[in-house]
Amino acid sequence: MIVVVGAGPAGTAAALAAADAGASVVLLDNAPRAGGQYDRRSLVGRHSPAPGEAALDAHPRIDHRPRTSVWALEPDGPDGILVHTQQGPADAARPVRTLRASALILCTGAYDRAFPFPGWELPGVITAGAAQALVKGQGIAPGGRTVLSGTGPFLLPVASALLSVGADIAGVYEAGSPTGWLRSPLTALRDGRSKLPELAAHAATLARHRVPYRTRTAVVAAHGSDRVESVTLARLRRDWTVRSRRRVAADTVCVGYGFTPQLELAVAAGCALRDERFVAVDEAQATSVPGVYAAGEITGIGGAELAVAEGEVAGAAAAHGLAGAAPAAGPVRPGRRAAARVRSGRRFAAALAAAHPVRPGWRSWLTDATLVCRCEEVTYADLRAAVEDRGADGMRALKLTSRAGLGACQGRVCGRTAAELAGVPESHRRPLAQPVRLGDLGSREQPQDPYPGGQ
């Protein structure tokens, strides 16, 4: 049996590819519906299925389990993996169940990265992804006069989505400059040609609504008593240090500086990392751990098309790697077209990262009183004191001496930033990938295989 974690574009493609190759698949996902953030559909009123969702539900070899979280992994002998899950609404009793997997495909995705700045803890400051989720899931936009700030092309579809539900957007502010694409024009035209019409459509939408789009500009502070009332916009130098400032009225600030991959389960499985940031995989999407594959944003931020291609390769490879593969399915190998799409997508992802780098000058936006860890209210001054006065030289020591990363999010929001500010390696190791109530642990059931004797 193959267990796929995550039902976004990568996970959906992996499950279908593995099942089409003759394998029995259990697809697990936190969300109530398949599709992930990219294919999120409204849960209010009537809605249409996400691409691939109908195929998942109709496939006889796929057991799709929505509203299911994976909170831990552990080895089960030389040829298996125990996958610990909970299913159901977060505010209800959720019995702990364990699946035995012969192969595991991790498609856990990524989440928005937001930099701290003075006032970012005020109500009204949200991530760009959260704003998009409100539009896609509920058909509403954050209230009032809205400002988008960050770097990368993701700001454009978010702005278009907000405009589609009547949002009042004061401006879209890109901290970098799109001229970075001039360093790799052939890659942009060859590997990004399918994305160019989409970006052009978003740009046209902004122009039609007369929304300003400014480069080398960012929100560096938010102001207000009980919520955001205004922001400081800064013109930035190439290194993102501040050249000049001005203050404008705003009620909502949507920030997005790229994405951070969700690596907890991959690290728990023992997968090697590339550049301390992404899961290292080979041409078949296999990780360093036998029987464990990875696809999508955890192997590199490259968008939905790359995630789908990687998922197809991972699903086919996992099915082929199982002992006793269905004879009728024949040998299953990554198709040439899928492999070519992976190579093209990775070239575009590398060009994207080079065109929209994060510059070190963002640190100059901070003051001593700026909160770095909002859960534990750890300031920038507290973080520096932990390093300079208490000798914190690693993430564990930094947590113990400053409390950064010890709150409800367990460092998912602040961990990467705190590590960079302190000059220590970030830790992705968390024994529990999701919160679990002690009462639920008491109801833990014996490991199960929903396909006994199958593959």
Protein backbone atom coordinates (compact mmCIF):
# COMPACT_ATOMS: atom_id res chain seq x y z
CA MET A 1 0.00 0.00 0.00
CA ILE A 2 1.19 3.51 -0.85
CA VAL A 3 0.32 6.36 1.48
CA VAL A 4 0.33 9.85 -0.05
CA VAL A 5 0.37 12.79 2.38
CA GLY A 6 -1.14 15.95 0.93
CA ALA A 7 -3.89 16.28 -1.70
CA GLY A 8 -2.68 19.40 -3.46
CA PRO A 9 -1.57 19.34 -7.11
CA ALA A 10 1.45 17.12 -6.35
CA GLY A 11 -0.36 14.68 -4.06
CA THR A 12 -3.39 14.34 -6.33
CA ALA A 13 -1.16 13.63 -9.33
CA ALA A 14 0.93 11.14 -7.32
CA ALA A 15 -2.13 9.24 -6.08
CA LEU A 16 -3.65 8.97 -9.55
CA ALA A 17 -0.36 7.93 -11.16
CA ALA A 18 0.29 5.25 -8.54
CA ALA A 19 -3.28 3.91 -8.70
CA ASP A 20 -3.28 3.89 -12.50
CA ALA A 21 -0.12 1.80 -12.27
CA GLY A 22 -1.94 -0.82 -10.20
CA ALA A 23 -1.06 0.19 -6.64
CA SER A 24 -3.51 0.60 -3.75
CA VAL A 25 -3.33 4.17 -2.44
CA VAL A 26 -4.47 5.97 0.69
CA LEU A 27 -4.48 9.75 0.18
CA LEU A 28 -4.43 11.82 3.38
CA ASP A 29 -5.05 15.56 3.61
CA ASN A 30 -5.92 18.13 6.29
CA ALA A 31 -8.38 19.98 4.08
CA PRO A 32 -12.04 19.00 3.60
CA ARG A 33 -11.52 18.82 -0.17
CA ALA A 34 -8.70 17.91 -2.52
CA GLY A 35 -6.81 20.54 -4.49
CA GLY A 36 -4.70 22.30 -1.88
CA GLN A 37 -4.36 26.06 -1.82
CA TYR A 38 -3.97 26.21 -5.59
CA ASP A 39 -7.29 24.50 -6.35
CA ARG A 40 -9.14 25.61 -3.23
CA ARG A 41 -12.91 25.73 -3.80
CA SER A 42 -15.61 27.56 -1.89
CA LEU A 43 -17.22 25.63 0.96
CA VAL A 44 -20.15 28.02 0.96
CA GLY A 45 -23.18 27.15 -1.18
CA ARG A 46 -22.79 25.22 -4.42
CA HIS A 47 -19.33 24.55 -5.71
CA SER A 48 -17.60 22.72 -8.50
CA PRO A 49 -15.01 19.99 -7.86
CA ALA A 50 -11.34 20.78 -8.13
CA PRO A 51 -9.48 19.31 -11.12
CA GLY A 52 -8.70 15.68 -10.34
CA GLU A 53 -11.08 15.49 -7.36
CA ALA A 54 -13.75 13.54 -9.24
CA ALA A 55 -11.10 11.16 -10.56
CA LEU A 56 -9.83 10.58 -7.01
CA ASP A 57 -13.28 9.77 -5.68
CA ALA A 58 -14.11 7.49 -8.60
CA HIS A 59 -10.86 5.52 -8.65
CA PRO A 60 -11.33 2.03 -7.16
CA ARG A 61 -7.75 1.86 -5.84
CA ILE A 62 -7.70 5.26 -4.07
CA ASP A 63 -8.97 5.72 -0.52
CA HIS A 64 -9.16 9.52 -0.16
CA ARG A 65 -9.36 10.61 3.48
CA PRO A 66 -10.02 14.37 3.87
CA ARG A 67 -9.83 16.22 7.20
CA THR A 68 -6.99 13.88 8.17
CA SER A 69 -3.76 15.09 9.73
CA VAL A 70 -0.52 13.12 9.96
CA TRP A 71 1.10 13.93 13.28
CA ALA A 72 4.05 11.51 13.29
CA LEU A 73 5.97 8.93 11.29
CA GLU A 74 8.16 6.04 12.44
CA PRO A 75 9.87 3.09 10.75
CA ASP A 76 8.16 -0.31 10.80
CA GLY A 77 10.94 -2.75 10.14
CA PRO A 78 13.12 -2.63 7.01
CA ASP A 79 10.26 -2.40 4.51
CA GLY A 80 7.52 -0.33 6.08
CA ILE A 81 6.54 2.95 7.66
CA LEU A 82 3.98 3.65 10.37
CA VAL A 83 1.87 6.72 9.60
CA HIS A 84 0.07 8.12 12.65
CA THR A 85 -3.10 10.02 11.78
CA GLN A 86 -6.17 11.74 13.18
CA GLN A 87 -9.36 12.36 11.25
CA GLY A 88 -12.22 14.77 11.81
CA PRO A 89 -12.83 18.39 12.86
CA ALA A 90 -10.10 19.90 15.03
CA ASP A 91 -12.55 20.80 17.81
CA ALA A 92 -13.95 17.25 18.14
CA ALA A 93 -12.62 14.00 19.55
CA ARG A 94 -10.19 12.62 16.99
CA PRO A 95 -9.15 9.00 17.60
CA VAL A 96 -5.54 8.25 16.72
CA ARG A 97 -5.16 5.69 13.95
CA THR A 98 -1.99 4.22 12.49
CA LEU A 99 -1.49 3.00 8.93
CA ARG A 100 1.22 0.65 7.72
CA ALA A 101 2.67 1.92 4.44
CA SER A 102 4.90 -0.04 2.09
CA ALA A 103 5.80 3.23 0.37
CA LEU A 104 5.26 6.86 1.33
CA ILE A 105 4.94 9.92 -0.92
CA LEU A 106 5.26 13.25 0.88
CA CYS A 107 3.52 16.19 -0.81
CA THR A 108 3.13 18.46 2.21
CA GLY A 109 3.54 21.75 0.35
CA ALA A 110 4.63 25.09 1.74
CA TYR A 111 3.26 28.14 3.51
CA ASP A 112 3.77 31.88 3.21
CA ARG A 113 6.87 33.53 4.54
CA ALA A 114 6.37 36.87 6.28
CA PHE A 115 9.12 39.11 7.61
CA PRO A 116 8.71 40.90 10.94
CA PHE A 117 8.47 44.67 10.96
CA PRO A 118 7.26 47.16 13.58
CA GLY A 119 3.52 46.67 13.99
CA TRP A 120 3.21 43.36 12.10
CA GLU A 121 1.43 41.88 15.13
CA LEU A 122 -1.51 44.29 14.76
CA PRO A 123 -4.89 42.90 13.65
CA GLY A 124 -5.17 43.60 9.95
CA VAL A 125 -1.71 42.26 9.01
CA ILE A 126 -2.12 38.89 7.27
CA THR A 127 -0.20 36.83 4.75
CA ALA A 128 -0.95 37.03 1.05
CA GLY A 129 -1.88 33.35 1.08
CA ALA A 130 -4.41 33.92 3.85
CA ALA A 131 -6.03 36.69 1.82
CA GLN A 132 -6.24 34.40 -1.19
CA ALA A 133 -7.73 31.63 0.96
CA LEU A 134 -10.46 33.99 2.16
CA VAL A 135 -11.38 34.80 -1.42
CA LYS A 136 -11.26 31.20 -2.68
CA GLY A 137 -12.81 29.55 0.36
CA GLN A 138 -15.37 32.12 1.50
CA GLY A 139 -15.79 34.53 -1.39
CA ILE A 140 -14.86 37.53 0.76
CA ALA A 141 -11.91 39.88 1.07
CA PRO A 142 -10.26 41.43 4.12
CA GLY A 143 -11.99 44.70 4.90
CA GLY A 144 -11.08 48.27 4.12
CA ARG A 145 -8.21 49.80 2.22
CA THR A 146 -5.73 47.03 1.41
CA VAL A 147 -2.00 47.10 0.68
CA LEU A 148 0.00 44.15 -0.69
CA SER A 149 3.74 44.00 0.00
CA GLY A 150 6.45 41.42 -0.58
CA THR A 151 8.37 39.91 -3.44
CA GLY A 152 7.66 37.50 -6.26
CA PRO A 153 4.90 37.00 -8.84
CA PHE A 154 2.51 35.49 -6.27
CA LEU A 155 1.44 39.02 -5.31
CA LEU A 156 -0.25 39.46 -8.70
CA PRO A 157 -2.77 36.57 -8.56
CA VAL A 158 -3.57 37.48 -4.97
CA ALA A 159 -4.31 41.06 -6.02
CA SER A 160 -6.48 39.81 -8.90
CA ALA A 161 -8.39 37.50 -6.55
CA LEU A 162 -9.03 40.33 -4.11
CA LEU A 163 -10.24 42.62 -6.89
CA SER A 164 -12.64 39.92 -8.09
CA VAL A 165 -14.59 40.20 -4.83
CA GLY A 166 -14.56 43.99 -4.70
CA ALA A 167 -11.53 44.69 -2.50
CA ASP A 168 -10.20 48.26 -2.32
CA ILE A 169 -6.49 47.84 -3.12
CA ALA A 170 -4.36 50.91 -2.51
CA GLY A 171 -1.29 49.39 -4.15
CA VAL A 172 0.92 46.37 -4.81
CA TYR A 173 4.50 46.90 -3.65
CA GLU A 174 7.32 44.67 -4.85
CA ALA A 175 10.47 44.89 -2.72
CA GLY A 176 12.64 43.67 -5.58
CA SER A 177 12.53 44.34 -9.28
CA PRO A 178 11.23 42.22 -12.19
CA THR A 179 14.32 43.29 -14.12
CA GLY A 180 15.99 40.32 -12.44
CA TRP A 181 14.42 38.20 -15.18
CA LEU A 182 16.69 39.91 -17.69
CA ARG A 183 19.51 37.72 -16.38
CA SER A 184 17.76 34.62 -17.73
CA PRO A 185 15.44 35.71 -20.58
CA LEU A 186 15.72 32.41 -22.46
CA THR A 187 14.56 30.46 -19.40
CA ALA A 188 11.65 32.84 -18.89
CA LEU A 189 10.53 32.46 -22.50
CA ARG A 190 11.22 28.75 -22.89
CA ASP A 191 10.27 27.28 -19.53
CA GLY A 192 7.86 29.97 -18.37
CA ARG A 193 5.90 30.46 -21.57
CA SER A 194 2.76 28.89 -20.09
CA LYS A 195 2.87 31.35 -17.21
CA LEU A 196 3.42 34.53 -19.21
CA PRO A 197 -0.21 34.86 -20.41
CA GLU A 198 -1.42 34.40 -16.83
CA LEU A 199 0.91 37.09 -15.50
CA ALA A 200 -0.09 39.40 -18.34
CA ALA A 201 -3.76 38.89 -17.45
CA HIS A 202 -3.10 39.75 -13.81
CA ALA A 203 -1.17 42.87 -14.82
CA ALA A 204 -4.06 43.89 -17.07
CA THR A 205 -6.49 43.42 -14.18
CA LEU A 206 -4.43 45.76 -11.99
CA ALA A 207 -4.27 48.32 -14.78
CA ARG A 208 -8.01 48.13 -15.42
CA HIS A 209 -8.72 48.81 -11.73
CA ARG A 210 -6.01 51.50 -11.63
CA VAL A 211 -4.10 49.75 -8.88
CA PRO A 212 -0.53 51.10 -8.56
CA TYR A 213 2.28 48.54 -8.89
CA ARG A 214 5.58 49.83 -7.53
CA THR A 215 8.96 48.08 -7.47
CA ARG A 216 11.77 48.54 -4.95
CA THR A 217 9.05 49.50 -2.43
CA ALA A 218 7.77 47.72 0.67
CA VAL A 219 5.75 48.15 3.85
CA VAL A 220 8.33 48.51 6.63
CA ALA A 221 6.00 49.42 9.52
CA ALA A 222 2.31 49.28 10.43
CA HIS A 223 0.67 51.74 12.80
CA GLY A 224 -2.51 51.75 14.86
CA SER A 225 -3.90 51.32 18.35
CA ASP A 226 -6.24 48.31 18.20
CA ARG A 227 -5.68 47.47 14.53
CA VAL A 228 -3.88 48.73 11.44
CA GLU A 229 -4.70 52.34 10.61
CA SER A 230 -1.73 53.28 8.43
CA VAL A 231 1.57 51.92 7.11
CA THR A 232 5.01 53.25 6.34
CA LEU A 233 6.00 52.63 2.74
CA ALA A 234 9.71 52.75 1.99
CA ARG A 235 11.58 53.18 -1.25
CA LEU A 236 14.36 50.61 -1.10
CA ARG A 237 17.90 50.42 -2.31
CA ARG A 238 19.02 47.31 -4.17
CA ASP A 239 19.97 45.63 -0.87
CA TRP A 240 16.53 46.53 0.60
CA THR A 241 17.83 49.15 3.00
CA VAL A 242 15.55 52.18 3.20
CA ARG A 243 16.11 55.11 0.87
CA SER A 244 13.03 57.16 1.82
CA ARG A 245 9.74 56.76 3.69
CA ARG A 246 6.17 57.95 3.48
CA ARG A 247 3.05 57.13 5.47
CA VAL A 248 -0.29 56.16 3.91
CA ALA A 249 -3.67 55.11 5.27
CA ALA A 250 -4.44 51.37 5.27
CA ASP A 251 -6.77 48.94 7.03
CA THR A 252 -5.30 45.65 5.82
CA VAL A 253 -1.74 44.64 4.92
CA CYS A 254 -1.12 41.41 2.98
CA VAL A 255 2.53 40.35 3.04
CA GLY A 256 4.32 37.58 1.20
CA TYR A 257 8.06 37.02 0.78
CA GLY A 258 8.03 33.64 -0.86
CA PHE A 259 7.29 30.30 0.78
CA THR A 260 8.70 27.99 3.43
CA PRO A 261 8.38 24.23 2.74
CA GLN A 262 6.71 22.05 5.38
CA LEU A 263 9.54 19.67 6.21
CA GLU A 264 8.50 18.20 9.56
CA LEU A 265 7.40 14.82 8.21
CA ALA A 266 10.29 14.57 5.76
CA VAL A 267 12.78 15.22 8.56
CA ALA A 268 10.95 12.78 10.83
CA ALA A 269 11.29 10.13 8.11
CA GLY A 270 15.05 10.79 7.96
CA CYS A 271 15.14 12.35 4.48
CA ALA A 272 18.29 14.25 3.55
CA LEU A 273 17.87 17.94 2.78
CA ARG A 274 19.29 20.06 -0.02
CA ASP A 275 20.65 23.48 0.96
CA GLU A 276 19.11 22.89 4.43
CA ARG A 277 15.81 23.99 2.90
CA PHE A 278 14.36 21.37 0.54
CA VAL A 279 14.09 17.58 0.41
CA ALA A 280 16.77 16.08 -1.80
CA VAL A 281 15.36 13.74 -4.46
CA ASP A 282 16.67 11.86 -7.48
CA GLU A 283 15.17 11.74 -10.98
CA ALA A 284 12.42 9.37 -9.73
CA GLN A 285 11.56 11.75 -6.84
CA ALA A 286 13.01 9.19 -4.40
CA THR A 287 14.50 10.58 -1.19
CA SER A 288 17.52 9.28 0.68
CA VAL A 289 15.21 6.92 2.62
CA PRO A 290 14.20 3.74 0.76
CA GLY A 291 10.48 3.67 0.03
CA VAL A 292 9.98 7.39 0.71
CA TYR A 293 9.33 9.80 -2.17
CA ALA A 294 8.69 13.55 -2.22
CA ALA A 295 7.04 15.89 -4.70
CA GLY A 296 5.88 19.48 -4.92
CA GLU A 297 7.04 22.52 -2.98
CA ILE A 298 9.04 20.56 -0.39
CA THR A 299 11.55 19.70 -3.14
CA GLY A 300 11.70 23.30 -4.44
CA ILE A 301 9.30 26.20 -4.90
CA GLY A 302 8.19 26.02 -8.53
CA GLY A 303 4.40 26.30 -8.78
CA ALA A 304 1.53 23.95 -9.56
CA GLU A 305 2.69 22.74 -12.97
CA LEU A 306 6.02 21.51 -11.61
CA ALA A 307 4.26 19.98 -8.59
CA VAL A 308 1.92 17.99 -10.84
CA ALA A 309 4.80 16.71 -12.97
CA GLU A 310 6.80 15.68 -9.90
CA GLY A 311 3.73 13.99 -8.45
CA GLU A 312 3.23 11.93 -11.61
CA VAL A 313 6.86 10.84 -11.53
CA ALA A 314 6.76 10.01 -7.81
CA GLY A 315 3.51 8.04 -8.05
CA ALA A 316 4.70 5.95 -10.99
CA ALA A 317 8.08 5.33 -9.38
CA ALA A 318 6.57 4.33 -6.03
CA ALA A 319 4.19 1.88 -7.71
CA HIS A 320 7.04 0.38 -9.73
CA GLY A 321 9.18 0.06 -6.62
CA LEU A 322 6.65 -2.01 -4.68
CA ALA A 323 7.26 -5.73 -4.53
CA GLY A 324 4.52 -7.72 -6.24
CA ALA A 325 3.38 -4.96 -8.56
CA ALA A 326 0.25 -5.91 -10.50
CA PRO A 327 1.37 -7.88 -13.58
CA ALA A 328 -1.36 -6.29 -15.69
CA ALA A 329 0.12 -2.89 -15.04
CA GLY A 330 3.44 -3.81 -16.60
CA PRO A 331 6.68 -2.02 -15.76
CA VAL A 332 6.03 1.48 -14.49
CA ARG A 333 8.67 4.12 -15.05
CA PRO A 334 8.55 7.90 -15.06
CA GLY A 335 7.25 8.92 -18.48
CA ARG A 336 9.48 10.98 -20.72
CA ARG A 337 6.95 13.80 -20.92
CA ALA A 338 6.56 14.04 -17.15
CA ALA A 339 10.32 13.90 -16.66
CA ALA A 340 10.79 16.64 -19.28
CA ARG A 341 8.19 18.80 -17.53
CA VAL A 342 10.04 18.31 -14.26
CA ARG A 343 13.32 19.45 -15.79
CA SER A 344 11.67 22.47 -17.39
CA GLY A 345 9.86 23.36 -14.17
CA ARG A 346 13.04 23.16 -12.13
CA ARG A 347 14.89 25.43 -14.53
CA PHE A 348 12.07 27.96 -14.22
CA ALA A 349 12.06 27.61 -10.42
CA ALA A 350 15.79 28.32 -10.28
CA ALA A 351 15.32 31.39 -12.49
CA LEU A 352 12.42 32.53 -10.30
CA ALA A 353 14.54 32.29 -7.15
CA ALA A 354 17.35 34.22 -8.84
CA ALA A 355 15.00 36.91 -10.13
CA HIS A 356 13.34 37.52 -6.74
CA PRO A 357 16.03 37.06 -4.10
CA VAL A 358 15.53 38.15 -0.50
CA ARG A 359 18.05 40.88 0.23
CA PRO A 360 19.66 41.26 3.69
CA GLY A 361 18.59 44.89 4.08
CA TRP A 362 15.18 43.82 5.47
CA ARG A 363 16.90 43.47 8.84
CA SER A 364 17.30 47.25 8.92
CA TRP A 365 13.51 47.61 9.11
CA LEU A 366 13.54 46.18 12.65
CA THR A 367 13.78 48.10 15.91
CA ASP A 368 14.74 46.69 19.31
CA ALA A 369 11.03 46.49 20.22
CA THR A 370 9.96 44.66 17.04
CA LEU A 371 8.41 41.29 17.84
CA VAL A 372 10.16 38.42 16.11
CA CYS A 373 8.20 35.62 17.79
CA ARG A 374 4.62 36.80 18.16
CA CYS A 375 3.43 33.73 20.13
CA GLU A 376 5.92 34.31 22.96
CA GLU A 377 6.32 38.08 22.41
CA VAL A 378 10.07 37.82 21.89
CA THR A 379 11.56 41.05 20.60
CA TYR A 380 14.54 41.60 18.34
CA ALA A 381 16.45 42.88 21.40
CA ASP A 382 15.60 39.66 23.29
CA LEU A 383 16.89 37.58 20.41
CA ARG A 384 20.17 39.48 20.20
CA ALA A 385 20.63 39.19 23.97
CA ALA A 386 20.25 35.42 23.75
CA VAL A 387 23.15 35.29 21.29
CA GLU A 388 25.40 38.05 22.57
CA ASP A 389 24.88 37.75 26.33
CA ARG A 390 23.90 34.10 26.81
CA GLY A 391 25.94 32.48 24.03
CA ALA A 392 23.10 30.76 22.18
CA ASP A 393 24.84 29.04 19.25
CA GLY A 394 22.08 26.82 17.89
CA MET A 395 18.32 26.76 17.44
CA ARG A 396 17.73 24.66 20.55
CA ALA A 397 19.80 27.00 22.69
CA LEU A 398 18.09 30.00 21.09
CA LYS A 399 14.67 28.63 22.00
CA LEU A 400 15.66 27.88 25.59
CA THR A 401 17.32 31.24 26.21
CA SER A 402 14.86 33.51 24.39
CA ARG A 403 11.60 31.45 24.14
CA ALA A 404 11.47 32.16 20.38
CA GLY A 405 9.67 29.30 18.67
CA LEU A 406 8.21 27.79 21.84
CA GLY A 407 4.67 29.09 21.28
CA ALA A 408 1.60 27.68 19.61
CA CYS A 409 3.08 27.62 16.09
CA GLN A 410 6.25 25.88 17.35
CA GLY A 411 8.44 28.13 15.22
CA ARG A 412 6.63 27.56 11.93
CA VAL A 413 6.15 31.31 11.48
CA CYS A 414 9.20 32.72 13.25
CA GLY A 415 11.72 29.86 13.23
CA ARG A 416 13.36 30.59 9.89
CA THR A 417 13.53 34.33 10.59
CA ALA A 418 14.84 33.88 14.14
CA ALA A 419 17.54 31.52 12.92
CA GLU A 420 18.67 33.95 10.22
CA LEU A 421 18.72 36.91 12.60
CA ALA A 422 20.69 34.92 15.18
CA GLY A 423 23.04 33.40 12.60
CA VAL A 424 22.28 29.78 13.57
CA PRO A 425 20.98 26.84 11.49
CA GLU A 426 17.21 26.44 11.49
CA SER A 427 15.81 23.22 12.97
CA HIS A 428 13.00 21.37 11.19
CA ARG A 429 12.92 18.51 13.69
CA ARG A 430 9.65 18.33 15.61
CA PRO A 431 8.61 15.03 17.26
CA LEU A 432 4.96 15.91 16.56
CA ALA A 433 4.17 17.46 13.18
CA GLN A 434 0.66 18.43 14.34
CA PRO A 435 -0.83 19.17 17.80
CA VAL A 436 -2.38 16.10 19.43
CA ARG A 437 -4.52 16.13 22.57
CA LEU A 438 -3.50 13.77 25.37
CA GLY A 439 -7.05 12.42 25.51
CA ASP A 440 -6.86 11.46 21.86
CA LEU A 441 -3.55 9.67 22.39
CA GLY A 442 -5.33 7.52 24.98
CA SER A 443 -7.66 6.27 22.24
CA ARG A 444 -4.85 5.12 19.99
CA GLU A 445 -5.77 2.09 17.90
CA GLN A 446 -3.59 -0.73 16.61
CA PRO A 447 -1.86 -0.19 13.25
CA GLN A 448 -4.08 -1.07 10.32
CA ASP A 449 -3.63 -1.94 6.68
CA PRO A 450 -6.79 -1.08 4.74
CA TYR A 451 -5.57 -3.32 1.92
CA PRO A 452 -4.40 -6.53 3.69
CA GLY A 453 -2.36 -8.65 1.37
CA GLY A 454 -2.38 -5.95 -1.29
CA GLN A 455 0.31 -3.64 -2.52
